[in-house]
C-alpha atoms as a PDB file:
ATOM      1  CA  MET A   1      -2.537 -41.307-117.077  1.00  0.00           C
ATOM      2  CA  CYS A   2      -5.482 -39.108-117.921  1.00  0.00           C
ATOM      3  CA  HIS A   3      -5.828 -35.524-116.649  1.00  0.00           C
ATOM      4  CA  THR A   4      -7.658 -32.407-117.315  1.00  0.00           C
ATOM      5  CA  ALA A   5      -6.815 -28.660-117.047  1.00  0.00           C
ATOM      6  CA  ASP A   6      -9.479 -28.136-114.415  1.00  0.00           C
ATOM      7  CA  MET A   7      -8.836 -31.317-112.520  1.00  0.00           C
ATOM      8  CA  THR A   8     -12.181 -32.922-113.617  1.00  0.00           C
ATOM      9  CA  ASP A   9     -12.104 -36.696-113.404  1.00  0.00           C
ATOM     10  CA  PRO A  10     -11.467 -37.620-117.075  1.00  0.00           C
ATOM     11  CA  ARG A  11     -13.841 -40.503-116.720  1.00  0.00           C
ATOM     12  CA  GLU A  12     -16.584 -37.866-116.225  1.00  0.00           C
ATOM     13  CA  THR A  13     -15.782 -35.952-119.350  1.00  0.00           C
ATOM     14  CA  VAL A  14     -18.191 -36.346-122.323  1.00  0.00           C
ATOM     15  CA  VAL A  15     -15.458 -37.325-124.739  1.00  0.00           C
ATOM     16  CA  PHE A  16     -14.264 -40.081-122.491  1.00  0.00           C
ATOM     17  CA  ARG A  17     -17.865 -41.349-121.890  1.00  0.00           C
ATOM     18  CA  TRP A  18     -18.614 -41.250-125.671  1.00  0.00           C
ATOM     19  CA  LEU A  19     -15.596 -43.296-126.594  1.00  0.00           C
ATOM     20  CA  ALA A  20     -16.184 -45.729-123.688  1.00  0.00           C
ATOM     21  CA  ALA A  21     -19.938 -46.224-124.735  1.00  0.00           C
ATOM     22  CA  GLY A  22     -18.995 -46.679-128.341  1.00  0.00           C
ATOM     23  CA  ASP A  23     -16.329 -49.416-127.520  1.00  0.00           C
ATOM     24  CA  ALA A  24     -18.857 -51.247-125.270  1.00  0.00           C
ATOM     25  CA  GLY A  25     -21.420 -51.078-127.972  1.00  0.00           C
ATOM     26  CA  ASP A  26     -23.729 -49.168-125.777  1.00  0.00           C
ATOM     27  CA  LEU A  27     -24.907 -46.832-128.555  1.00  0.00           C
ATOM     28  CA  ASP A  28     -28.087 -45.592-126.789  1.00  0.00           C
ATOM     29  CA  VAL A  29     -25.904 -43.697-124.391  1.00  0.00           C
ATOM     30  CA  PHE A  30     -24.993 -41.423-127.349  1.00  0.00           C
ATOM     31  CA  ASP A  31     -28.461 -39.823-126.869  1.00  0.00           C
ATOM     32  CA  ASP A  32     -27.173 -38.371-123.542  1.00  0.00           C
ATOM     33  CA  LEU A  33     -23.889 -37.378-124.940  1.00  0.00           C
ATOM     34  CA  LEU A  34     -24.495 -36.058-128.560  1.00  0.00           C
ATOM     35  CA  HIS A  35     -27.001 -33.553-129.705  1.00  0.00           C
ATOM     36  CA  GLU A  36     -29.409 -34.913-132.189  1.00  0.00           C
ATOM     37  CA  ASP A  37     -27.968 -32.707-134.906  1.00  0.00           C
ATOM     38  CA  ALA A  38     -24.159 -33.163-133.806  1.00  0.00           C
ATOM     39  CA  ILE A  39     -21.701 -32.893-136.616  1.00  0.00           C
ATOM     40  CA  ILE A  40     -18.630 -35.362-136.322  1.00  0.00           C
ATOM     41  CA  HIS A  41     -15.733 -34.677-138.763  1.00  0.00           C
ATOM     42  CA  ALA A  42     -13.998 -38.024-139.244  1.00  0.00           C
ATOM     43  CA  PRO A  43     -11.449 -39.418-141.752  1.00  0.00           C
ATOM     44  CA  LEU A  44     -12.015 -42.151-144.362  1.00  0.00           C
ATOM     45  CA  GLY A  45     -15.551 -40.862-145.106  1.00  0.00           C
ATOM     46  CA  LEU A  46     -16.838 -41.574-141.614  1.00  0.00           C
ATOM     47  CA  SER A  47     -18.067 -37.921-141.062  1.00  0.00           C
ATOM     48  CA  THR A  48     -21.736 -37.778-139.806  1.00  0.00           C
ATOM     49  CA  SER A  49     -24.277 -34.971-139.225  1.00  0.00           C
ATOM     50  CA  SER A  50     -26.548 -36.532-136.556  1.00  0.00           C
ATOM     51  CA  ALA A  51     -26.328 -38.690-133.541  1.00  0.00           C
ATOM     52  CA  LYS A  52     -28.359 -41.257-135.446  1.00  0.00           C
ATOM     53  CA  GLU A  53     -25.723 -41.436-138.178  1.00  0.00           C
ATOM     54  CA  GLU A  54     -22.929 -41.529-135.656  1.00  0.00           C
ATOM     55  CA  LYS A  55     -24.629 -44.618-134.014  1.00  0.00           C
ATOM     56  CA  ARG A  56     -24.688 -46.383-137.479  1.00  0.00           C
ATOM     57  CA  VAL A  57     -21.010 -45.664-137.999  1.00  0.00           C
ATOM     58  CA  TRP A  58     -20.141 -47.070-134.559  1.00  0.00           C
ATOM     59  CA  ALA A  59     -22.311 -50.156-135.154  1.00  0.00           C
ATOM     60  CA  GLU A  60     -20.494 -50.672-138.528  1.00  0.00           C
ATOM     61  CA  ALA A  61     -17.166 -50.147-136.902  1.00  0.00           C
ATOM     62  CA  LEU A  62     -17.896 -52.640-134.110  1.00  0.00           C
ATOM     63  CA  ALA A  63     -19.038 -55.206-136.715  1.00  0.00           C
ATOM     64  CA  ALA A  64     -15.801 -54.830-138.639  1.00  0.00           C
ATOM     65  CA  ILE A  65     -13.461 -54.520-135.512  1.00  0.00           C
ATOM     66  CA  PRO A  66     -15.159 -56.387-132.613  1.00  0.00           C
ATOM     67  CA  ASP A  67     -12.235 -55.693-130.268  1.00  0.00           C
ATOM     68  CA  LEU A  68     -12.241 -51.957-130.964  1.00  0.00           C
ATOM     69  CA  ARG A  69     -10.774 -50.017-127.991  1.00  0.00           C
ATOM     70  CA  HIS A  70     -10.004 -46.260-127.476  1.00  0.00           C
ATOM     71  CA  ASP A  71      -7.513 -45.927-124.547  1.00  0.00           C
ATOM     72  CA  VAL A  72      -7.713 -42.317-123.542  1.00  0.00           C
ATOM     73  CA  GLN A  73      -4.353 -41.180-122.626  1.00  0.00           C
ATOM     74  CA  GLU A  74      -5.247 -37.720-121.533  1.00  0.00           C
ATOM     75  CA  VAL A  75      -8.072 -35.185-121.591  1.00  0.00           C
ATOM     76  CA  VAL A  76      -7.859 -31.319-121.624  1.00  0.00           C
ATOM     77  CA  VAL A  77     -10.850 -29.394-120.726  1.00  0.00           C
ATOM     78  CA  ASP A  78     -11.295 -25.721-121.423  1.00  0.00           C
ATOM     79  CA  GLY A  79     -14.774 -24.477-120.870  1.00  0.00           C
ATOM     80  CA  GLU A  80     -17.026 -26.012-123.514  1.00  0.00           C
ATOM     81  CA  VAL A  81     -14.107 -27.731-125.262  1.00  0.00           C
ATOM     82  CA  GLU A  82     -12.741 -31.192-124.495  1.00  0.00           C
ATOM     83  CA  MET A  83      -9.762 -32.668-126.194  1.00  0.00           C
ATOM     84  CA  ALA A  84      -8.565 -36.178-125.845  1.00  0.00           C
ATOM     85  CA  ARG A  85      -5.402 -37.915-126.923  1.00  0.00           C
ATOM     86  CA  VAL A  86      -6.201 -41.551-127.612  1.00  0.00           C
ATOM     87  CA  VAL A  87      -4.588 -44.829-128.618  1.00  0.00           C
ATOM     88  CA  VAL A  88      -6.998 -46.834-130.813  1.00  0.00           C
ATOM     89  CA  THR A  89      -6.498 -50.596-131.056  1.00  0.00           C
ATOM     90  CA  GLY A  90      -8.357 -53.406-132.683  1.00  0.00           C
ATOM     91  CA  THR A  91      -8.375 -56.224-135.246  1.00  0.00           C
ATOM     92  CA  LEU A  92      -9.885 -55.617-138.658  1.00  0.00           C
ATOM     93  CA  LYS A  93     -12.101 -58.722-139.146  1.00  0.00           C
ATOM     94  CA  ARG A  94     -13.871 -57.190-142.177  1.00  0.00           C
ATOM     95  CA  SER A  95     -13.519 -54.351-144.566  1.00  0.00           C
ATOM     96  CA  PHE A  96     -14.522 -50.916-143.034  1.00  0.00           C
ATOM     97  CA  ALA A  97     -14.312 -47.405-144.233  1.00  0.00           C
ATOM     98  CA  GLY A  98     -12.596 -48.422-147.553  1.00  0.00           C
ATOM     99  CA  VAL A  99      -9.901 -50.412-145.750  1.00  0.00           C
ATOM    100  CA  ALA A 100      -9.789 -54.062-146.916  1.00  0.00           C
ATOM    101  CA  THR A 101     -10.056 -56.750-144.293  1.00  0.00           C
ATOM    102  CA  THR A 102      -6.862 -58.711-143.570  1.00  0.00           C
ATOM    103  CA  GLY A 103      -7.532 -59.994-140.148  1.00  0.00           C
ATOM    104  CA  ARG A 104      -4.645 -58.013-138.756  1.00  0.00           C
ATOM    105  CA  SER A 105      -4.456 -55.981-135.566  1.00  0.00           C
ATOM    106  CA  PHE A 106      -3.674 -52.299-135.416  1.00  0.00           C
ATOM    107  CA  ARG A 107      -2.570 -49.439-133.045  1.00  0.00           C
ATOM    108  CA  ILE A 108      -2.949 -45.928-134.077  1.00  0.00           C
ATOM    109  CA  ASP A 109      -2.892 -42.532-132.391  1.00  0.00           C
ATOM    110  CA  GLN A 110      -5.943 -40.376-132.453  1.00  0.00           C
ATOM    111  CA  ALA A 111      -6.995 -36.847-131.229  1.00  0.00           C
ATOM    112  CA  VAL A 112     -10.678 -36.055-130.568  1.00  0.00           C
ATOM    113  CA  ILE A 113     -11.705 -32.546-130.107  1.00  0.00           C
ATOM    114  CA  THR A 114     -15.264 -31.883-128.974  1.00  0.00           C
ATOM    115  CA  HIS A 115     -17.277 -28.718-128.756  1.00  0.00           C
ATOM    116  CA  LEU A 116     -20.103 -29.000-126.168  1.00  0.00           C
ATOM    117  CA  ARG A 117     -23.304 -27.179-125.830  1.00  0.00           C
ATOM    118  CA  ASP A 118     -25.427 -27.778-122.686  1.00  0.00           C
ATOM    119  CA  GLY A 119     -23.257 -30.720-121.804  1.00  0.00           C
ATOM    120  CA  LYS A 120     -23.506 -32.635-125.093  1.00  0.00           C
ATOM    121  CA  VAL A 121     -21.313 -32.683-128.196  1.00  0.00           C
ATOM    122  CA  SER A 122     -22.475 -30.334-130.696  1.00  0.00           C
ATOM    123  CA  GLU A 123     -19.474 -30.723-133.066  1.00  0.00           C
ATOM    124  CA  ALA A 124     -16.308 -32.961-133.016  1.00  0.00           C
ATOM    125  CA  TRP A 125     -13.166 -33.582-134.915  1.00  0.00           C
ATOM    126  CA  GLU A 126     -11.507 -37.060-135.019  1.00  0.00           C
ATOM    127  CA  ILE A 127      -7.908 -36.731-136.253  1.00  0.00           C
ATOM    128  CA  ALA A 128      -6.484 -40.293-136.777  1.00  0.00           C
ATOM    129  CA  ASP A 129      -3.182 -41.665-138.084  1.00  0.00           C
ATOM    130  CA  VAL A 130      -4.843 -43.247-141.047  1.00  0.00           C
ATOM    131  CA  ALA A 131      -1.537 -44.008-142.772  1.00  0.00           C
ATOM    132  CA  ALA A 132      -0.466 -46.023-139.848  1.00  0.00           C
ATOM    133  CA  LEU A 133      -3.745 -47.890-139.815  1.00  0.00           C
ATOM    134  CA  GLN A 134      -3.489 -48.761-143.644  1.00  0.00           C
ATOM    135  CA  ALA A 135       0.206 -49.859-143.220  1.00  0.00           C
ATOM    136  CA  GLN A 136      -0.509 -52.098-140.403  1.00  0.00           C
ATOM    137  CA  VAL A 137      -3.456 -53.998-141.946  1.00  0.00           C
ATOM    138  CA  ALA A 138      -2.150 -54.214-145.485  1.00  0.00           C
ATOM    139  CA  PRO A 139      -1.775 -57.542-147.039  1.00  0.00           C
ATOM    140  CA  GLU A 140       1.865 -58.772-147.271  1.00  0.00           C
END
C-alpha cells in the first residue's frame, strides 16, 4: 500500500511516475520528470549526471532485464523531497552493470530519494540491495 505524508496520491508523485515510465520503456517521459542536468547517484557504476545519460542507463537496463519492475511500496513526501520504498524484480537476460548474465530472476529492496526543483528531479539517490541481487543471480 502506497501512502504519502501529505496524502498525495502516490501515483502522482514524481518518483512513482519516473519509475513507472522507466519500467514501461517510456523514456521520453523523463524529459517531464528530470531536469536536463539531474544527478542520479546509483550503485554498480550506474550514476548519471544528466537526463540524457539516465535514459541511456534505463535503455541498457531494459535490454538486459526486459521484465524489470519497480513495485512502489510507499512514498513519503516532505516538501521538495520524495522518498520511495521499492521492491525491484526482473530476470537478468544479459550482463548488466558488471553483473554476469545467468538468466535468473531476482527480487531486491530499493530506496529512492529524490530532491525536486520546480516539480522535476534535480538530484536522486538509489540505494539498492546489491548483495542480494548478486547472490540471487550468481551461477551455481
